[in-house]
Amino acid sequence: MKIFVVGASGRVATELIKVLVENGHEVTAAARHPENVSLKDDPHVTAVKLDLHADVAELAELIGHQDVVYFTAGSRGKDLLQTDAFGAVKTMQAAQKNQIKRYIMLSSVHSLEPKFWHRPGLEQIMDYNVAKFFADNYLVNQTDLDYTILQPTALTEEPGTEKITLGTGKVATNPISDVAKTLALLLEFDNTKKKVISMRSGQTPIKEALAKV
């Protein structure tokens, strides 16, 4: 597939692009600083400069003809409205403009459930979840995209296990590589379309877990 990754220099995207290339896909890696894309010299990766402050027409031209758009960008609290919220919405609008149906959003656990945001582990990222709430709601209710919203818990740098648990539970952790592999493998499971999927570390192999969504 031809795949467009928004926020391609981030920690999850870096691992995601590796898996996508290993699986035979062609990736356009879009980042504010494309020179920081780790696989920019790979023949299956094209690094491009992306400014989420641009308008929808500019973003649509940059995205072009793709099979899938991944949104993995995050401002780490520095530009929540323009990047995490409205920037995401504009990429959805651009995908629709370009007749791209498949759109995969990296989000946050309980992003659509404000009643949980005061829990320990989530209260520290309240503003981020507010931004994701608006972006994710737009994706679900204001587009006709074949979306999947993946909601991991806290990300860690520890080695991945390639085993996960789906569904909500206690606030836990996810190795970044497991989140990336889960994002990549969503492409193999049509049953994940139009779904919001929460994940955390667990004992079920990723493919087996996704098959049961």
Protein backbone atom coordinates (compact mmCIF):
# COMPACT_ATOMS: atom_id res chain seq x y z
CA MET A 1 0.00 0.00 0.00
CA LYS A 2 0.89 3.66 -0.30
CA ILE A 3 0.80 5.08 3.21
CA PHE A 4 1.06 8.66 4.50
CA VAL A 5 2.30 9.06 8.08
CA VAL A 6 1.65 12.39 9.82
CA GLY A 7 4.16 13.13 12.57
CA ALA A 8 6.75 10.78 11.10
CA SER A 9 9.69 11.83 13.28
CA GLY A 10 7.97 10.90 16.54
CA ARG A 11 8.80 7.90 18.72
CA VAL A 12 5.84 5.75 17.71
CA ALA A 13 5.99 6.78 14.06
CA THR A 14 9.67 5.88 13.83
CA GLU A 15 8.87 2.31 14.87
CA LEU A 16 5.68 2.25 12.79
CA ILE A 17 7.51 3.19 9.60
CA LYS A 18 10.05 0.41 10.18
CA VAL A 19 7.25 -2.15 10.43
CA LEU A 20 5.38 -0.77 7.42
CA VAL A 21 8.51 -0.97 5.27
CA GLU A 22 9.24 -4.49 6.51
CA ASN A 23 5.70 -5.42 5.47
CA GLY A 24 6.30 -4.17 1.93
CA HIS A 25 4.53 -0.81 1.97
CA GLU A 26 5.62 2.51 0.45
CA VAL A 27 5.65 5.28 3.04
CA THR A 28 5.48 9.05 2.74
CA ALA A 29 6.89 10.24 6.06
CA ALA A 30 5.60 13.72 6.83
CA ALA A 31 7.11 15.81 9.62
CA ARG A 32 7.74 19.42 10.55
CA HIS A 33 11.44 18.53 10.41
CA PRO A 34 11.76 15.84 7.72
CA GLU A 35 15.51 15.70 8.28
CA ASN A 36 14.69 13.97 11.59
CA VAL A 37 12.86 11.06 9.94
CA SER A 38 15.03 8.08 10.82
CA LEU A 39 14.45 6.07 7.62
CA LYS A 40 14.50 9.01 5.22
CA ASP A 41 17.23 7.36 3.14
CA ASP A 42 15.35 4.08 2.71
CA PRO A 43 14.19 3.61 -0.92
CA HIS A 44 10.67 2.83 0.31
CA VAL A 45 10.39 6.02 2.40
CA THR A 46 9.89 9.56 1.11
CA ALA A 47 10.34 12.25 3.77
CA VAL A 48 8.37 15.46 3.23
CA LYS A 49 7.91 18.68 5.20
CA LEU A 50 4.50 19.02 6.83
CA ASP A 51 3.07 22.08 8.57
CA LEU A 52 -0.21 21.31 10.33
CA HIS A 53 -0.94 25.05 10.41
CA ALA A 54 -1.44 24.88 6.62
CA ASP A 55 -4.94 24.93 5.17
CA VAL A 56 -6.80 21.87 3.95
CA ALA A 57 -6.05 22.49 0.28
CA GLU A 58 -2.30 22.61 0.96
CA LEU A 59 -2.46 19.47 3.07
CA ALA A 60 -4.49 17.63 0.44
CA GLU A 61 -1.93 18.52 -2.23
CA LEU A 62 0.91 17.29 -0.03
CA ILE A 63 -0.86 14.04 0.89
CA GLY A 64 -1.80 13.23 -2.70
CA HIS A 65 -3.01 9.77 -3.69
CA GLN A 66 -2.57 7.32 -0.83
CA ASP A 67 -4.28 4.18 0.43
CA VAL A 68 -3.99 5.02 4.13
CA VAL A 69 -3.32 8.03 6.35
CA TYR A 70 -1.89 7.55 9.83
CA PHE A 71 -2.04 10.44 12.29
CA THR A 72 0.68 10.03 14.93
CA ALA A 73 1.61 13.69 15.43
CA GLY A 74 1.71 15.28 18.86
CA SER A 75 2.91 18.65 20.06
CA ARG A 76 3.73 17.42 23.60
CA GLY A 77 1.56 20.18 24.99
CA LYS A 78 3.17 23.01 23.02
CA ASP A 79 0.57 23.44 20.26
CA LEU A 80 -2.46 21.41 21.28
CA LEU A 81 -5.11 23.34 19.39
CA GLN A 82 -3.33 23.76 16.08
CA THR A 83 -1.62 20.36 16.00
CA ASP A 84 -3.35 17.75 18.15
CA ALA A 85 -6.90 19.02 17.62
CA PHE A 86 -7.46 21.13 14.49
CA GLY A 87 -4.34 19.88 12.70
CA ALA A 88 -5.73 16.37 12.94
CA VAL A 89 -9.14 17.48 11.71
CA LYS A 90 -7.61 19.14 8.65
CA THR A 91 -5.79 15.94 7.69
CA MET A 92 -9.13 14.11 7.90
CA GLN A 93 -10.70 16.71 5.63
CA ALA A 94 -7.75 16.41 3.25
CA ALA A 95 -8.09 12.63 3.18
CA GLN A 96 -11.76 12.95 2.28
CA LYS A 97 -10.94 15.54 -0.36
CA ASN A 98 -8.49 13.06 -1.91
CA GLN A 99 -10.97 10.18 -1.60
CA ILE A 100 -8.75 8.26 0.82
CA LYS A 101 -10.99 6.06 2.95
CA ARG A 102 -8.66 4.45 5.50
CA TYR A 103 -7.57 6.71 8.35
CA ILE A 104 -5.83 5.48 11.51
CA MET A 105 -5.53 7.73 14.54
CA LEU A 106 -3.06 7.25 17.37
CA SER A 107 -4.88 8.60 20.40
CA SER A 108 -4.92 8.17 24.18
CA VAL A 109 -6.79 5.85 26.51
CA HIS A 110 -10.22 7.23 27.47
CA SER A 111 -9.83 10.14 25.03
CA LEU A 112 -13.57 10.00 24.37
CA GLU A 113 -14.56 9.47 28.01
CA PRO A 114 -13.97 12.64 30.06
CA LYS A 115 -15.38 11.02 33.21
CA PHE A 116 -12.10 9.10 33.53
CA TRP A 117 -9.70 12.02 33.03
CA HIS A 118 -9.24 12.69 36.75
CA ARG A 119 -7.81 9.23 37.37
CA PRO A 120 -4.17 9.04 38.49
CA GLY A 121 -2.03 8.76 35.38
CA LEU A 122 -4.53 10.66 33.25
CA GLU A 123 -4.99 13.88 35.21
CA GLN A 124 -1.46 14.96 34.20
CA ILE A 125 -2.43 14.92 30.50
CA MET A 126 -5.83 16.58 30.84
CA ASP A 127 -5.24 19.24 28.17
CA TYR A 128 -3.93 16.64 25.72
CA ASN A 129 -7.02 14.49 26.20
CA VAL A 130 -9.23 17.53 25.63
CA ALA A 131 -7.52 18.07 22.27
CA LYS A 132 -7.81 14.39 21.37
CA PHE A 133 -11.47 14.40 22.45
CA PHE A 134 -12.33 16.98 19.81
CA ALA A 135 -10.22 15.38 17.08
CA ASP A 136 -11.50 11.87 17.76
CA ASN A 137 -15.11 13.01 17.97
CA TYR A 138 -14.75 14.74 14.62
CA LEU A 139 -13.31 11.58 13.08
CA VAL A 140 -16.15 9.41 14.36
CA ASN A 141 -19.10 11.75 13.88
CA GLN A 142 -18.19 14.22 11.14
CA THR A 143 -16.42 12.04 8.54
CA ASP A 144 -17.25 8.97 6.49
CA LEU A 145 -13.69 7.67 6.75
CA ASP A 146 -12.95 4.03 7.55
CA TYR A 147 -11.26 5.04 10.77
CA THR A 148 -9.61 3.16 13.56
CA ILE A 149 -8.75 5.05 16.74
CA LEU A 150 -6.09 3.24 18.76
CA GLN A 151 -5.91 4.29 22.41
CA PRO A 152 -2.78 3.06 24.20
CA THR A 153 -1.98 3.78 27.81
CA ALA A 154 1.33 5.34 28.90
CA LEU A 155 4.15 4.73 26.43
CA THR A 156 7.46 3.27 27.56
CA GLU A 157 10.85 2.63 25.97
CA GLU A 158 11.08 -0.92 27.32
CA PRO A 159 11.40 -3.82 24.84
CA GLY A 160 8.16 -4.94 23.26
CA THR A 161 6.60 -8.34 23.83
CA GLU A 162 4.27 -8.36 20.80
CA LYS A 163 1.52 -9.32 23.26
CA ILE A 164 -1.28 -6.99 24.28
CA THR A 165 -4.67 -6.72 25.98
CA LEU A 166 -7.50 -4.87 24.28
CA GLY A 167 -10.19 -3.00 26.16
CA THR A 168 -10.07 -0.61 29.07
CA GLY A 169 -8.87 -1.47 32.54
CA LYS A 170 -6.44 -0.07 35.01
CA VAL A 171 -4.04 2.58 33.74
CA ALA A 172 -1.05 0.58 32.61
CA THR A 173 1.78 0.86 30.08
CA ASN A 174 2.61 -0.01 26.49
CA PRO A 175 6.08 -0.48 24.99
CA ILE A 176 6.32 1.86 22.01
CA SER A 177 7.26 -0.97 19.66
CA ASP A 178 4.08 -2.89 20.56
CA VAL A 179 1.94 0.17 19.84
CA ALA A 180 3.69 0.62 16.48
CA LYS A 181 3.20 -3.02 15.52
CA THR A 182 -0.44 -2.87 16.51
CA LEU A 183 -0.94 0.24 14.37
CA ALA A 184 0.70 -1.46 11.40
CA LEU A 185 -1.25 -4.70 11.76
CA LEU A 186 -4.60 -2.87 11.81
CA LEU A 187 -4.26 -2.83 8.02
CA GLU A 188 -4.68 -6.61 7.92
CA PHE A 189 -7.98 -6.65 9.82
CA ASP A 190 -11.06 -5.13 8.17
CA ASN A 191 -12.97 -5.79 11.39
CA THR A 192 -11.04 -2.90 12.98
CA LYS A 193 -12.66 -0.33 10.70
CA LYS A 194 -15.07 2.10 12.39
CA LYS A 195 -13.72 1.01 15.78
CA VAL A 196 -12.22 2.71 18.83
CA ILE A 197 -9.73 0.27 20.35
CA SER A 198 -8.07 0.64 23.74
CA MET A 199 -4.88 -1.33 24.40
CA ARG A 200 -2.33 -2.07 27.08
CA SER A 201 0.33 -4.67 27.68
CA GLY A 202 -0.97 -8.20 28.04
CA GLN A 203 -0.59 -11.86 27.15
CA THR A 204 -2.36 -12.11 23.77
CA PRO A 205 -0.35 -11.98 20.51
CA ILE A 206 -1.23 -8.81 18.60
CA LYS A 207 -2.74 -10.55 15.56
CA GLU A 208 -4.84 -12.82 17.74
CA ALA A 209 -6.14 -9.85 19.73
CA LEU A 210 -7.02 -7.83 16.64
CA ALA A 211 -8.82 -10.76 15.03
CA LYS A 212 -11.27 -10.73 17.95
CA VAL A 213 -12.12 -7.01 17.86
